[in-house]
Amino acid sequence: MNIIRLIAVFTFAIGTMAAAAQKQKVRIVVDGDTGQGIPNVSITGKGFTIVTDSLGRFVLPNDCKTLVFSHLNYTSYLANVNDIGDYVALYPNYQQLDEVMVFGTPGKNPLEELNSQLKINKTDAQLMTANPNGNLLGLFKYLIPKKWRTSKKKKRQEELKKLLEEY
């Protein structure tokens, strides 16, 4: 019985030491100019890809040898795992464009499209902008059916239309 306990304790101790030996080291990718951590750097090795966190930290798997560090705004870096320390520096990739060309077709103005869907005439649109309660209240006229609207609102709008036309 004691031998079984001794073997169990010995197995547990060896397993604990093996787990402690496999404790992985946290490393940081930093900007070579400022020294600040770079988030979202893609680190690619044989059979895996990892991404740095918001502070530029990452943990490598045990079985990697060669790594490629890449980021959109930085020059890519190829490194051997034995050659990198706690910090990996990436340097900004400054690119200057000579010429930019934009292609496209002219489309409808979004306001004109909204106007065509709601069928608002010019006078009503001006009244909505003059409404002291805000523009959204003026849109209720077009969103709520006529049978649910009150006659007081209609009278007020007619008065405002007359004032606007006279102005």
C-alpha atoms as a PDB file:
ATOM      1  CA  MET A   1       0.000   0.000   0.000  1.00  0.00           C
ATOM      2  CA  ASN A   2       2.842   2.411   0.851  1.00  0.00           C
ATOM      3  CA  ILE A   3       4.564   1.627  -2.440  1.00  0.00           C
ATOM      4  CA  ILE A   4       1.424   2.584  -4.372  1.00  0.00           C
ATOM      5  CA  ARG A   5       1.245   5.909  -2.502  1.00  0.00           C
ATOM      6  CA  LEU A   6       4.942   6.518  -3.112  1.00  0.00           C
ATOM      7  CA  ILE A   7       4.526   5.849  -6.853  1.00  0.00           C
ATOM      8  CA  ALA A   8       1.474   8.133  -6.996  1.00  0.00           C
ATOM      9  CA  VAL A   9       3.323  10.975  -5.228  1.00  0.00           C
ATOM     10  CA  PHE A  10       6.379  10.496  -7.445  1.00  0.00           C
ATOM     11  CA  THR A  11       4.227  10.538 -10.626  1.00  0.00           C
ATOM     12  CA  PHE A  12       2.423  13.675  -9.430  1.00  0.00           C
ATOM     13  CA  ALA A  13       5.743  15.419  -8.675  1.00  0.00           C
ATOM     14  CA  ILE A  14       7.183  14.605 -12.101  1.00  0.00           C
ATOM     15  CA  GLY A  15       3.995  15.795 -13.803  1.00  0.00           C
ATOM     16  CA  THR A  16       4.085  19.062 -11.860  1.00  0.00           C
ATOM     17  CA  MET A  17       7.732  19.660 -12.778  1.00  0.00           C
ATOM     18  CA  ALA A  18       7.014  18.952 -16.442  1.00  0.00           C
ATOM     19  CA  ALA A  19       4.114  21.426 -16.391  1.00  0.00           C
ATOM     20  CA  ALA A  20       6.297  24.058 -14.720  1.00  0.00           C
ATOM     21  CA  ALA A  21       9.024  23.497 -17.308  1.00  0.00           C
ATOM     22  CA  GLN A  22       6.498  24.098 -20.092  1.00  0.00           C
ATOM     23  CA  LYS A  23       5.450  27.483 -18.683  1.00  0.00           C
ATOM     24  CA  GLN A  24       5.493  29.746 -21.681  1.00  0.00           C
ATOM     25  CA  LYS A  25       7.151  33.126 -21.742  1.00  0.00           C
ATOM     26  CA  VAL A  26       5.131  36.276 -22.538  1.00  0.00           C
ATOM     27  CA  ARG A  27       6.829  38.473 -25.124  1.00  0.00           C
ATOM     28  CA  ILE A  28       5.905  41.881 -26.521  1.00  0.00           C
ATOM     29  CA  VAL A  29       5.994  43.366 -30.042  1.00  0.00           C
ATOM     30  CA  VAL A  30       6.924  47.059 -29.808  1.00  0.00           C
ATOM     31  CA  ASP A  31       7.239  49.995 -32.194  1.00  0.00           C
ATOM     32  CA  GLY A  32      10.937  50.484 -32.944  1.00  0.00           C
ATOM     33  CA  ASP A  33      10.625  54.288 -32.824  1.00  0.00           C
ATOM     34  CA  THR A  34       8.332  54.838 -29.815  1.00  0.00           C
ATOM     35  CA  GLY A  35       8.766  51.628 -27.807  1.00  0.00           C
ATOM     36  CA  GLN A  36       5.010  51.189 -27.367  1.00  0.00           C
ATOM     37  CA  GLY A  37       3.307  47.817 -27.805  1.00  0.00           C
ATOM     38  CA  ILE A  38       1.689  47.161 -31.182  1.00  0.00           C
ATOM     39  CA  PRO A  39      -1.751  45.483 -31.132  1.00  0.00           C
ATOM     40  CA  ASN A  40      -2.977  43.066 -33.836  1.00  0.00           C
ATOM     41  CA  VAL A  41       0.423  41.982 -35.148  1.00  0.00           C
ATOM     42  CA  SER A  42       0.132  38.690 -37.009  1.00  0.00           C
ATOM     43  CA  ILE A  43       2.800  36.171 -35.968  1.00  0.00           C
ATOM     44  CA  THR A  44       3.046  33.215 -38.319  1.00  0.00           C
ATOM     45  CA  GLY A  45       5.061  30.043 -37.876  1.00  0.00           C
ATOM     46  CA  LYS A  46       4.913  26.551 -39.291  1.00  0.00           C
ATOM     47  CA  GLY A  47       1.303  25.443 -38.864  1.00  0.00           C
ATOM     48  CA  PHE A  48       0.062  28.302 -36.673  1.00  0.00           C
ATOM     49  CA  THR A  49      -0.796  31.986 -36.662  1.00  0.00           C
ATOM     50  CA  ILE A  50      -1.316  34.084 -33.551  1.00  0.00           C
ATOM     51  CA  VAL A  51      -2.197  37.749 -33.070  1.00  0.00           C
ATOM     52  CA  THR A  52      -0.906  40.101 -30.386  1.00  0.00           C
ATOM     53  CA  ASP A  53      -3.330  41.525 -27.837  1.00  0.00           C
ATOM     54  CA  SER A  54      -4.126  45.213 -27.278  1.00  0.00           C
ATOM     55  CA  LEU A  55      -0.766  45.776 -25.545  1.00  0.00           C
ATOM     56  CA  GLY A  56       1.316  43.867 -28.111  1.00  0.00           C
ATOM     57  CA  ARG A  57       1.784  40.755 -25.918  1.00  0.00           C
ATOM     58  CA  PHE A  58       1.927  37.196 -27.219  1.00  0.00           C
ATOM     59  CA  VAL A  59       2.905  33.676 -26.135  1.00  0.00           C
ATOM     60  CA  LEU A  60       4.634  31.313 -28.547  1.00  0.00           C
ATOM     61  CA  PRO A  61       3.978  27.576 -28.806  1.00  0.00           C
ATOM     62  CA  ASN A  62       6.864  25.326 -27.725  1.00  0.00           C
ATOM     63  CA  ASP A  63       7.569  23.710 -31.088  1.00  0.00           C
ATOM     64  CA  CYS A  64       8.230  26.776 -33.259  1.00  0.00           C
ATOM     65  CA  LYS A  65      11.543  27.772 -34.820  1.00  0.00           C
ATOM     66  CA  THR A  66      11.023  30.499 -37.428  1.00  0.00           C
ATOM     67  CA  LEU A  67       8.501  33.328 -37.170  1.00  0.00           C
ATOM     68  CA  VAL A  68       7.208  36.074 -39.434  1.00  0.00           C
ATOM     69  CA  PHE A  69       5.911  39.231 -37.735  1.00  0.00           C
ATOM     70  CA  SER A  70       3.622  41.282 -39.983  1.00  0.00           C
ATOM     71  CA  HIS A  71       1.373  44.310 -39.617  1.00  0.00           C
ATOM     72  CA  LEU A  72      -0.182  46.636 -42.190  1.00  0.00           C
ATOM     73  CA  ASN A  73       1.668  49.761 -40.986  1.00  0.00           C
ATOM     74  CA  TYR A  74       5.030  48.108 -40.270  1.00  0.00           C
ATOM     75  CA  THR A  75       7.769  46.355 -42.231  1.00  0.00           C
ATOM     76  CA  SER A  76       7.523  42.567 -41.877  1.00  0.00           C
ATOM     77  CA  TYR A  77      10.219  40.836 -39.844  1.00  0.00           C
ATOM     78  CA  LEU A  78      11.505  37.243 -40.218  1.00  0.00           C
ATOM     79  CA  ALA A  79      13.197  35.892 -37.079  1.00  0.00           C
ATOM     80  CA  ASN A  80      14.524  32.719 -35.513  1.00  0.00           C
ATOM     81  CA  VAL A  81      12.991  32.017 -32.081  1.00  0.00           C
ATOM     82  CA  ASN A  82      16.447  31.749 -30.503  1.00  0.00           C
ATOM     83  CA  ASP A  83      17.352  35.241 -31.771  1.00  0.00           C
ATOM     84  CA  ILE A  84      14.415  37.110 -30.225  1.00  0.00           C
ATOM     85  CA  GLY A  85      14.259  38.193 -26.614  1.00  0.00           C
ATOM     86  CA  ASP A  86      11.431  39.569 -24.507  1.00  0.00           C
ATOM     87  CA  TYR A  87      10.780  42.382 -26.991  1.00  0.00           C
ATOM     88  CA  VAL A  88      10.488  42.293 -30.781  1.00  0.00           C
ATOM     89  CA  ALA A  89      10.798  45.673 -32.515  1.00  0.00           C
ATOM     90  CA  LEU A  90       8.945  46.455 -35.742  1.00  0.00           C
ATOM     91  CA  TYR A  91       9.660  49.644 -37.659  1.00  0.00           C
ATOM     92  CA  PRO A  92       7.028  51.755 -39.432  1.00  0.00           C
ATOM     93  CA  ASN A  93       6.592  51.266 -43.152  1.00  0.00           C
ATOM     94  CA  TYR A  94       6.255  54.731 -44.651  1.00  0.00           C
ATOM     95  CA  GLN A  95       4.801  54.700 -48.130  1.00  0.00           C
ATOM     96  CA  GLN A  96       4.100  57.730 -50.264  1.00  0.00           C
ATOM     97  CA  LEU A  97       1.608  57.518 -53.079  1.00  0.00           C
ATOM     98  CA  ASP A  98       2.333  59.379 -56.301  1.00  0.00           C
ATOM     99  CA  GLU A  99      -1.200  59.470 -57.609  1.00  0.00           C
ATOM    100  CA  VAL A 100      -4.619  58.303 -56.490  1.00  0.00           C
ATOM    101  CA  MET A 101      -7.416  57.566 -58.948  1.00  0.00           C
ATOM    102  CA  VAL A 102     -11.031  57.140 -57.883  1.00  0.00           C
ATOM    103  CA  PHE A 103     -13.522  55.420 -60.151  1.00  0.00           C
ATOM    104  CA  GLY A 104     -17.271  55.373 -59.785  1.00  0.00           C
ATOM    105  CA  THR A 105     -20.573  56.341 -61.266  1.00  0.00           C
ATOM    106  CA  PRO A 106     -22.681  59.262 -60.149  1.00  0.00           C
ATOM    107  CA  GLY A 107     -25.608  58.207 -58.042  1.00  0.00           C
ATOM    108  CA  LYS A 108     -28.609  59.781 -56.448  1.00  0.00           C
ATOM    109  CA  ASN A 109     -28.205  62.146 -53.575  1.00  0.00           C
ATOM    110  CA  PRO A 110     -29.374  60.317 -50.395  1.00  0.00           C
ATOM    111  CA  LEU A 111     -31.639  63.238 -49.491  1.00  0.00           C
ATOM    112  CA  GLU A 112     -33.249  63.163 -52.922  1.00  0.00           C
ATOM    113  CA  GLU A 113     -33.799  59.431 -52.540  1.00  0.00           C
ATOM    114  CA  LEU A 114     -35.469  59.934 -49.152  1.00  0.00           C
ATOM    115  CA  ASN A 115     -37.571  62.727 -50.650  1.00  0.00           C
ATOM    116  CA  SER A 116     -38.727  60.476 -53.485  1.00  0.00           C
ATOM    117  CA  GLN A 117     -39.700  57.726 -51.041  1.00  0.00           C
ATOM    118  CA  LEU A 118     -41.586  60.033 -48.661  1.00  0.00           C
ATOM    119  CA  LYS A 119     -42.959  62.268 -51.463  1.00  0.00           C
ATOM    120  CA  ILE A 120     -42.354  65.506 -49.586  1.00  0.00           C
ATOM    121  CA  ASN A 121     -42.816  68.708 -51.571  1.00  0.00           C
ATOM    122  CA  LYS A 122     -40.528  71.708 -51.126  1.00  0.00           C
ATOM    123  CA  THR A 123     -42.946  73.706 -48.978  1.00  0.00           C
ATOM    124  CA  ASP A 124     -43.496  70.821 -46.560  1.00  0.00           C
ATOM    125  CA  ALA A 125     -39.750  70.263 -46.280  1.00  0.00           C
ATOM    126  CA  GLN A 126     -39.260  73.941 -45.425  1.00  0.00           C
ATOM    127  CA  LEU A 127     -42.042  73.726 -42.847  1.00  0.00           C
ATOM    128  CA  MET A 128     -40.395  70.718 -41.217  1.00  0.00           C
ATOM    129  CA  THR A 129     -37.137  72.613 -40.867  1.00  0.00           C
ATOM    130  CA  ALA A 130     -38.983  75.615 -39.416  1.00  0.00           C
ATOM    131  CA  ASN A 131     -40.786  73.405 -36.875  1.00  0.00           C
ATOM    132  CA  PRO A 132     -39.560  74.404 -33.389  1.00  0.00           C
ATOM    133  CA  ASN A 133     -40.130  70.858 -32.104  1.00  0.00           C
ATOM    134  CA  GLY A 134     -37.508  69.415 -34.449  1.00  0.00           C
ATOM    135  CA  ASN A 135     -37.426  67.825 -37.890  1.00  0.00           C
ATOM    136  CA  LEU A 136     -38.518  64.354 -36.764  1.00  0.00           C
ATOM    137  CA  LEU A 137     -41.932  65.560 -35.661  1.00  0.00           C
ATOM    138  CA  GLY A 138     -42.598  66.871 -39.157  1.00  0.00           C
ATOM    139  CA  LEU A 139     -41.966  63.402 -40.579  1.00  0.00           C
ATOM    140  CA  PHE A 140     -44.875  61.957 -38.582  1.00  0.00           C
ATOM    141  CA  LYS A 141     -47.222  63.513 -41.130  1.00  0.00           C
ATOM    142  CA  TYR A 142     -45.875  61.065 -43.687  1.00  0.00           C
ATOM    143  CA  LEU A 143     -45.523  58.078 -41.386  1.00  0.00           C
ATOM    144  CA  ILE A 144     -48.877  58.159 -39.549  1.00  0.00           C
ATOM    145  CA  PRO A 145     -52.076  57.539 -41.553  1.00  0.00           C
ATOM    146  CA  LYS A 146     -54.410  60.517 -42.029  1.00  0.00           C
ATOM    147  CA  LYS A 147     -57.247  58.963 -40.027  1.00  0.00           C
ATOM    148  CA  TRP A 148     -55.064  58.974 -36.873  1.00  0.00           C
ATOM    149  CA  ARG A 149     -53.899  62.596 -37.216  1.00  0.00           C
ATOM    150  CA  THR A 150     -55.595  65.383 -35.297  1.00  0.00           C
ATOM    151  CA  SER A 151     -57.185  68.311 -37.081  1.00  0.00           C
ATOM    152  CA  LYS A 152     -55.306  70.856 -34.913  1.00  0.00           C
ATOM    153  CA  LYS A 153     -52.039  69.859 -36.503  1.00  0.00           C
ATOM    154  CA  LYS A 154     -53.485  70.217 -39.974  1.00  0.00           C
ATOM    155  CA  LYS A 155     -54.789  73.706 -39.212  1.00  0.00           C
ATOM    156  CA  ARG A 156     -51.437  74.756 -37.806  1.00  0.00           C
ATOM    157  CA  GLN A 157     -49.614  73.432 -40.870  1.00  0.00           C
ATOM    158  CA  GLU A 158     -51.971  75.283 -43.213  1.00  0.00           C
ATOM    159  CA  GLU A 159     -51.329  78.498 -41.302  1.00  0.00           C
ATOM    160  CA  LEU A 160     -47.592  77.951 -41.518  1.00  0.00           C
ATOM    161  CA  LYS A 161     -47.868  77.234 -45.252  1.00  0.00           C
ATOM    162  CA  LYS A 162     -49.693  80.526 -45.800  1.00  0.00           C
ATOM    163  CA  LEU A 163     -47.084  82.400 -43.791  1.00  0.00           C
ATOM    164  CA  LEU A 164     -44.281  80.778 -45.751  1.00  0.00           C
ATOM    165  CA  GLU A 165     -45.892  81.507 -49.118  1.00  0.00           C
ATOM    166  CA  GLU A 166     -46.428  85.147 -48.132  1.00  0.00           C
ATOM    167  CA  TYR A 167     -42.876  85.448 -46.900  1.00  0.00           C
END
